[in-house]
Amino acid sequence: MRQIKNFRAGSNNTKIVLSNKKRETMTDDDDDDDDDDDDDDDDDDDMIMMMMMMMMMMMMMMMMMMMMMMMIMLMLIRMINVKVTLF
């Protein structure tokens, strides 16, 4: 009887150890996955920020070109001495 009790106690201990190891590995894997996901999200955010910056730069360039064109047109019209009713 003592041997059987000892055997049962030993098997229970091994089960507990295995379950603890599984929990540790699972939590570690989950943490690693979370870190990877965070890194991917950061990369996506960086890409979105880069796209936003490029769009802003393009908009600024377009605005500058439009302003330059308007100024040149006004200068030409004034040089030709034609009365302007735009402004």
C-alpha atoms as a PDB file:
ATOM      1  CA  MET A   1       0.000   0.000   0.000  1.00  0.00           C
ATOM      2  CA  ARG A   2       2.790   2.400   0.810  1.00  0.00           C
ATOM      3  CA  GLN A   3       4.368   1.821  -2.575  1.00  0.00           C
ATOM      4  CA  ILE A   4       1.067   2.521  -4.348  1.00  0.00           C
ATOM      5  CA  LYS A   5       0.520   5.751  -2.369  1.00  0.00           C
ATOM      6  CA  ASN A   6       4.060   6.881  -3.095  1.00  0.00           C
ATOM      7  CA  PHE A   7       3.581   6.081  -6.780  1.00  0.00           C
ATOM      8  CA  ARG A   8       0.355   8.106  -6.897  1.00  0.00           C
ATOM      9  CA  ALA A   9       1.973  11.016  -5.091  1.00  0.00           C
ATOM     10  CA  GLY A  10       4.914  10.908  -7.515  1.00  0.00           C
ATOM     11  CA  SER A  11       2.642  10.821 -10.562  1.00  0.00           C
ATOM     12  CA  ASN A  12       0.656  13.787  -9.216  1.00  0.00           C
ATOM     13  CA  ASN A  13       3.867  15.739  -8.657  1.00  0.00           C
ATOM     14  CA  THR A  14       5.063  15.055 -12.199  1.00  0.00           C
ATOM     15  CA  LYS A  15       1.685  16.152 -13.577  1.00  0.00           C
ATOM     16  CA  ILE A  16       1.890  19.400 -11.628  1.00  0.00           C
ATOM     17  CA  VAL A  17       5.431  20.023 -12.910  1.00  0.00           C
ATOM     18  CA  LEU A  18       4.389  19.340 -16.497  1.00  0.00           C
ATOM     19  CA  SER A  19       1.376  21.630 -16.225  1.00  0.00           C
ATOM     20  CA  ASN A  20       3.586  24.390 -14.784  1.00  0.00           C
ATOM     21  CA  LYS A  21       6.085  23.967 -17.631  1.00  0.00           C
ATOM     22  CA  LYS A  22       3.296  24.118 -20.175  1.00  0.00           C
ATOM     23  CA  ARG A  23       1.942  27.282 -18.597  1.00  0.00           C
ATOM     24  CA  GLU A  24       5.374  28.900 -18.638  1.00  0.00           C
ATOM     25  CA  THR A  25       6.002  28.027 -22.271  1.00  0.00           C
ATOM     26  CA  MET A  26       2.506  29.164 -23.261  1.00  0.00           C
ATOM     27  CA  THR A  27       2.897  32.514 -21.537  1.00  0.00           C
ATOM     28  CA  ASP A  28       6.342  32.976 -23.069  1.00  0.00           C
ATOM     29  CA  ASP A  29       5.014  32.193 -26.550  1.00  0.00           C
ATOM     30  CA  ASP A  30       2.084  34.550 -26.044  1.00  0.00           C
ATOM     31  CA  ASP A  31       4.433  37.318 -24.925  1.00  0.00           C
ATOM     32  CA  ASP A  32       6.639  36.747 -27.959  1.00  0.00           C
ATOM     33  CA  ASP A  33       3.619  36.837 -30.262  1.00  0.00           C
ATOM     34  CA  ASP A  34       2.413  40.045 -28.628  1.00  0.00           C
ATOM     35  CA  ASP A  35       5.843  41.609 -29.076  1.00  0.00           C
ATOM     36  CA  ASP A  36       5.875  40.591 -32.741  1.00  0.00           C
ATOM     37  CA  ASP A  37       2.389  42.010 -33.237  1.00  0.00           C
ATOM     38  CA  ASP A  38       3.434  45.253 -31.565  1.00  0.00           C
ATOM     39  CA  ASP A  39       6.462  45.469 -33.839  1.00  0.00           C
ATOM     40  CA  ASP A  40       4.268  44.897 -36.883  1.00  0.00           C
ATOM     41  CA  ASP A  41       1.854  47.561 -35.674  1.00  0.00           C
ATOM     42  CA  ASP A  42       4.749  49.964 -35.174  1.00  0.00           C
ATOM     43  CA  ASP A  43       5.978  49.240 -38.705  1.00  0.00           C
ATOM     44  CA  ASP A  44       2.483  49.832 -40.064  1.00  0.00           C
ATOM     45  CA  ASP A  45       2.223  53.072 -38.105  1.00  0.00           C
ATOM     46  CA  ASP A  46       5.598  54.162 -39.470  1.00  0.00           C
ATOM     47  CA  MET A  47       4.448  53.377 -42.991  1.00  0.00           C
ATOM     48  CA  ILE A  48       1.217  55.313 -42.444  1.00  0.00           C
ATOM     49  CA  MET A  49       3.190  58.241 -41.015  1.00  0.00           C
ATOM     50  CA  MET A  50       5.524  58.168 -44.023  1.00  0.00           C
ATOM     51  CA  MET A  51       2.545  58.134 -46.390  1.00  0.00           C
ATOM     52  CA  MET A  52       0.945  61.022 -44.499  1.00  0.00           C
ATOM     53  CA  MET A  53       4.186  63.002 -44.623  1.00  0.00           C
ATOM     54  CA  MET A  54       4.518  62.337 -48.362  1.00  0.00           C
ATOM     55  CA  MET A  55       0.924  63.436 -48.923  1.00  0.00           C
ATOM     56  CA  MET A  56       1.499  66.602 -46.904  1.00  0.00           C
ATOM     57  CA  MET A  57       4.666  67.355 -48.879  1.00  0.00           C
ATOM     58  CA  MET A  58       2.842  66.798 -52.144  1.00  0.00           C
ATOM     59  CA  MET A  59       0.006  69.072 -51.049  1.00  0.00           C
ATOM     60  CA  MET A  60       2.467  71.758 -50.004  1.00  0.00           C
ATOM     61  CA  MET A  61       4.283  71.492 -53.333  1.00  0.00           C
ATOM     62  CA  MET A  62       0.999  71.735 -55.231  1.00  0.00           C
ATOM     63  CA  MET A  63      -0.037  74.792 -53.217  1.00  0.00           C
ATOM     64  CA  MET A  64       3.324  76.451 -53.859  1.00  0.00           C
ATOM     65  CA  MET A  65       3.069  75.726 -57.588  1.00  0.00           C
ATOM     66  CA  MET A  66      -0.442  77.150 -57.706  1.00  0.00           C
ATOM     67  CA  MET A  67       0.665  80.276 -55.858  1.00  0.00           C
ATOM     68  CA  MET A  68       3.623  80.704 -58.205  1.00  0.00           C
ATOM     69  CA  MET A  69       1.389  80.285 -61.249  1.00  0.00           C
ATOM     70  CA  MET A  70      -1.071  82.839 -59.898  1.00  0.00           C
ATOM     71  CA  MET A  71       1.724  85.302 -59.178  1.00  0.00           C
ATOM     72  CA  ILE A  72       3.225  84.860 -62.633  1.00  0.00           C
ATOM     73  CA  MET A  73      -0.165  85.305 -64.249  1.00  0.00           C
ATOM     74  CA  LEU A  74      -0.783  88.500 -62.271  1.00  0.00           C
ATOM     75  CA  MET A  75       2.654  89.813 -63.151  1.00  0.00           C
ATOM     76  CA  LEU A  76       2.100  89.097 -66.847  1.00  0.00           C
ATOM     77  CA  ILE A  77      -1.320  90.694 -66.813  1.00  0.00           C
ATOM     78  CA  ARG A  78       0.080  93.790 -65.105  1.00  0.00           C
ATOM     79  CA  MET A  79       2.964  93.945 -67.555  1.00  0.00           C
ATOM     80  CA  ILE A  80       0.520  93.858 -70.454  1.00  0.00           C
ATOM     81  CA  ASN A  81      -1.389  96.693 -68.722  1.00  0.00           C
ATOM     82  CA  VAL A  82      -4.757  95.013 -69.049  1.00  0.00           C
ATOM     83  CA  LYS A  83      -7.293  96.035 -66.445  1.00  0.00           C
ATOM     84  CA  VAL A  84      -7.850  93.078 -64.101  1.00  0.00           C
ATOM     85  CA  THR A  85     -11.258  92.464 -62.616  1.00  0.00           C
ATOM     86  CA  LEU A  86     -10.203  89.317 -60.720  1.00  0.00           C
ATOM     87  CA  PHE A  87      -9.319  91.045 -57.466  1.00  0.00           C
END
